[in-house]
C-alpha atoms as a PDB file:
ATOM      1  CA  MET A   1      76.872-112.521-154.110  1.00  0.00           C
ATOM      2  CA  LYS A   2      77.097-108.884-152.630  1.00  0.00           C
ATOM      3  CA  ILE A   3      77.327-107.224-149.533  1.00  0.00           C
ATOM      4  CA  VAL A   4      75.035-104.165-149.454  1.00  0.00           C
ATOM      5  CA  MET A   5      76.292-101.673-146.755  1.00  0.00           C
ATOM      6  CA  ALA A   6      74.593 -98.930-145.933  1.00  0.00           C
ATOM      7  CA  ILE A   7      75.195 -95.700-143.540  1.00  0.00           C
ATOM      8  CA  ILE A   8      72.158 -94.339-142.006  1.00  0.00           C
ATOM      9  CA  LYS A   9      70.230 -92.103-139.203  1.00  0.00           C
ATOM     10  CA  PRO A  10      69.416 -94.353-136.349  1.00  0.00           C
ATOM     11  CA  PHE A  11      66.312 -93.513-135.701  1.00  0.00           C
ATOM     12  CA  LYS A  12      66.008 -95.209-139.363  1.00  0.00           C
ATOM     13  CA  LEU A  13      66.625 -98.577-137.836  1.00  0.00           C
ATOM     14  CA  GLU A  14      63.471 -99.976-137.386  1.00  0.00           C
ATOM     15  CA  GLU A  15      61.850 -98.852-140.698  1.00  0.00           C
ATOM     16  CA  VAL A  16      64.706-100.447-142.785  1.00  0.00           C
ATOM     17  CA  ARG A  17      64.953-103.549-141.343  1.00  0.00           C
ATOM     18  CA  ASP A  18      60.947-103.751-141.115  1.00  0.00           C
ATOM     19  CA  ALA A  19      61.482-102.983-145.396  1.00  0.00           C
ATOM     20  CA  LEU A  20      63.882-105.592-145.461  1.00  0.00           C
ATOM     21  CA  THR A  21      62.210-108.352-143.644  1.00  0.00           C
ATOM     22  CA  GLY A  22      59.436-107.255-145.955  1.00  0.00           C
ATOM     23  CA  ILE A  23      61.080-108.222-149.135  1.00  0.00           C
ATOM     24  CA  GLY A  24      62.966-111.203-147.960  1.00  0.00           C
ATOM     25  CA  VAL A  25      66.088-110.517-146.421  1.00  0.00           C
ATOM     26  CA  HIS A  26      66.624-112.112-142.971  1.00  0.00           C
ATOM     27  CA  GLY A  27      70.066-111.412-141.588  1.00  0.00           C
ATOM     28  CA  LEU A  28      71.599-107.861-141.277  1.00  0.00           C
ATOM     29  CA  THR A  29      74.471-106.503-139.010  1.00  0.00           C
ATOM     30  CA  VAL A  30      74.338-103.573-137.900  1.00  0.00           C
ATOM     31  CA  THR A  31      77.383-101.358-136.255  1.00  0.00           C
ATOM     32  CA  GLU A  32      76.937 -98.406-133.970  1.00  0.00           C
ATOM     33  CA  VAL A  33      79.682 -95.891-136.016  1.00  0.00           C
ATOM     34  CA  LYS A  34      80.179 -91.946-136.060  1.00  0.00           C
ATOM     35  CA  GLY A  35      81.366 -90.112-138.987  1.00  0.00           C
ATOM     36  CA  TYR A  36      80.363 -87.008-141.240  1.00  0.00           C
ATOM     37  CA  GLY A  37      79.906 -86.015-144.986  1.00  0.00           C
ATOM     38  CA  ARG A  38      78.366 -82.734-146.308  1.00  0.00           C
ATOM     39  CA  GLN A  39      76.873 -81.717-142.718  1.00  0.00           C
ATOM     40  CA  LYS A  40      80.365 -81.747-141.704  1.00  0.00           C
ATOM     41  CA  GLY A  41      78.386 -81.998-138.010  1.00  0.00           C
ATOM     42  CA  HIS A  42      77.285 -79.321-135.327  1.00  0.00           C
ATOM     43  CA  THR A  43      77.336 -77.308-132.864  1.00  0.00           C
ATOM     44  CA  GLU A  44      75.857 -77.837-129.362  1.00  0.00           C
ATOM     45  CA  ILE A  45      75.715 -76.427-125.796  1.00  0.00           C
ATOM     46  CA  TYR A  46      76.191 -77.891-122.697  1.00  0.00           C
ATOM     47  CA  ARG A  47      76.499 -75.853-119.297  1.00  0.00           C
ATOM     48  CA  GLY A  48      76.342 -73.236-120.736  1.00  0.00           C
ATOM     49  CA  ALA A  49      79.856 -73.795-123.329  1.00  0.00           C
ATOM     50  CA  GLU A  50      79.395 -73.887-127.013  1.00  0.00           C
ATOM     51  CA  TYR A  51      81.407 -77.155-128.817  1.00  0.00           C
ATOM     52  CA  ALA A  52      81.784 -78.363-131.690  1.00  0.00           C
ATOM     53  CA  VAL A  53      80.569 -81.774-132.569  1.00  0.00           C
ATOM     54  CA  SER A  54      82.189 -82.973-135.409  1.00  0.00           C
ATOM     55  CA  PHE A  55      81.384 -86.962-136.053  1.00  0.00           C
ATOM     56  CA  LEU A  56      77.468 -87.583-135.767  1.00  0.00           C
ATOM     57  CA  PRO A  57      76.004 -90.898-134.636  1.00  0.00           C
ATOM     58  CA  LYS A  58      75.023 -93.555-137.540  1.00  0.00           C
ATOM     59  CA  LEU A  59      74.619 -96.770-137.825  1.00  0.00           C
ATOM     60  CA  LYS A  60      75.994 -99.048-140.529  1.00  0.00           C
ATOM     61  CA  ILE A  61      73.999-101.916-141.775  1.00  0.00           C
ATOM     62  CA  GLU A  62      75.333-104.727-143.539  1.00  0.00           C
ATOM     63  CA  VAL A  63      73.402-107.169-145.806  1.00  0.00           C
ATOM     64  CA  ALA A  64      74.771-110.406-147.912  1.00  0.00           C
ATOM     65  CA  VAL A  65      72.568-110.706-150.704  1.00  0.00           C
ATOM     66  CA  SER A  66      71.936-113.100-154.097  1.00  0.00           C
ATOM     67  CA  ALA A  67      73.570-110.455-157.194  1.00  0.00           C
ATOM     68  CA  ASP A  68      70.013-110.631-158.653  1.00  0.00           C
ATOM     69  CA  GLN A  69      68.509-109.387-154.764  1.00  0.00           C
ATOM     70  CA  VAL A  70      70.491-105.995-154.658  1.00  0.00           C
ATOM     71  CA  SER A  71      68.642-103.358-156.609  1.00  0.00           C
ATOM     72  CA  LYS A  72      65.611-104.483-154.294  1.00  0.00           C
ATOM     73  CA  VAL A  73      67.340-104.016-151.220  1.00  0.00           C
ATOM     74  CA  VAL A  74      68.975-100.614-152.315  1.00  0.00           C
ATOM     75  CA  GLU A  75      65.512 -99.656-153.144  1.00  0.00           C
ATOM     76  CA  ALA A  76      64.147-100.767-149.958  1.00  0.00           C
ATOM     77  CA  ILE A  77      66.659 -99.085-147.612  1.00  0.00           C
ATOM     78  CA  THR A  78      66.519 -95.741-149.717  1.00  0.00           C
ATOM     79  CA  ALA A  79      63.126 -95.747-149.186  1.00  0.00           C
ATOM     80  CA  SER A  80      62.777 -96.485-145.988  1.00  0.00           C
ATOM     81  CA  ALA A  81      65.817 -94.502-144.633  1.00  0.00           C
ATOM     82  CA  LYS A  82      64.873 -91.000-146.610  1.00  0.00           C
ATOM     83  CA  THR A  83      64.221 -88.426-144.445  1.00  0.00           C
ATOM     84  CA  GLY A  84      64.646 -85.910-147.602  1.00  0.00           C
ATOM     85  CA  GLN A  85      67.457 -83.853-145.215  1.00  0.00           C
ATOM     86  CA  ILE A  86      70.816 -83.936-145.545  1.00  0.00           C
ATOM     87  CA  GLY A  87      72.850 -86.681-143.866  1.00  0.00           C
ATOM     88  CA  ASP A  88      70.538 -89.417-144.210  1.00  0.00           C
ATOM     89  CA  GLY A  89      73.359 -91.350-145.567  1.00  0.00           C
ATOM     90  CA  LYS A  90      75.170 -93.561-148.388  1.00  0.00           C
ATOM     91  CA  ILE A  91      74.875 -97.121-149.571  1.00  0.00           C
ATOM     92  CA  PHE A  92      77.894 -99.288-150.953  1.00  0.00           C
ATOM     93  CA  VAL A  93      77.819-102.674-152.633  1.00  0.00           C
ATOM     94  CA  PHE A  94      80.597-105.004-153.083  1.00  0.00           C
ATOM     95  CA  PRO A  95      81.430-108.145-154.192  1.00  0.00           C
ATOM     96  CA  ILE A  96      81.668-111.058-151.788  1.00  0.00           C
ATOM     97  CA  ASP A  97      84.163-113.751-153.096  1.00  0.00           C
ATOM     98  CA  HIS A  98      83.204-116.645-151.083  1.00  0.00           C
ATOM     99  CA  ALA A  99      81.109-117.156-148.107  1.00  0.00           C
ATOM    100  CA  VAL A 100      80.569-120.104-145.740  1.00  0.00           C
ATOM    101  CA  ARG A 101      78.086-121.083-142.913  1.00  0.00           C
ATOM    102  CA  ILE A 102      80.047-121.634-140.008  1.00  0.00           C
ATOM    103  CA  ARG A 103      77.665-124.172-138.546  1.00  0.00           C
ATOM    104  CA  THR A 104      76.822-126.082-141.307  1.00  0.00           C
ATOM    105  CA  GLY A 105      79.390-126.167-143.724  1.00  0.00           C
ATOM    106  CA  GLU A 106      77.662-124.325-146.565  1.00  0.00           C
ATOM    107  CA  THR A 107      79.631-122.264-148.998  1.00  0.00           C
ATOM    108  CA  ASP A 108      78.659-119.636-151.399  1.00  0.00           C
ATOM    109  CA  ALA A 109      74.802-119.109-152.231  1.00  0.00           C
ATOM    110  CA  ASP A 110      74.208-121.844-149.677  1.00  0.00           C
ATOM    111  CA  ALA A 111      75.207-120.054-147.154  1.00  0.00           C
ATOM    112  CA  LEU A 112      73.474-116.478-147.308  1.00  0.00           C
END
């Protein structure tokens, strides 16, 4: 079992969700986050004053999947979240040692 965590641009959420649903992933967690990478923020003008926005809004998506689904999930997220511009995001994959479905008590792969 693995957790696939992706940091994406907010407007790409629906495309990513549709791509994941299309390959059989039925659950995901989305968190609004802020951060920066190579783009290092940008400047904006508000009421005539220029100011720096150093942390940009992003979405963090977390999906728990079986180990054999990881490559399909990563490919689906990559294809659907890509704009070709700087700041498209990153994908990280972590192992899961143990999982429990609270409602039924099912464990590990059955809990996914």
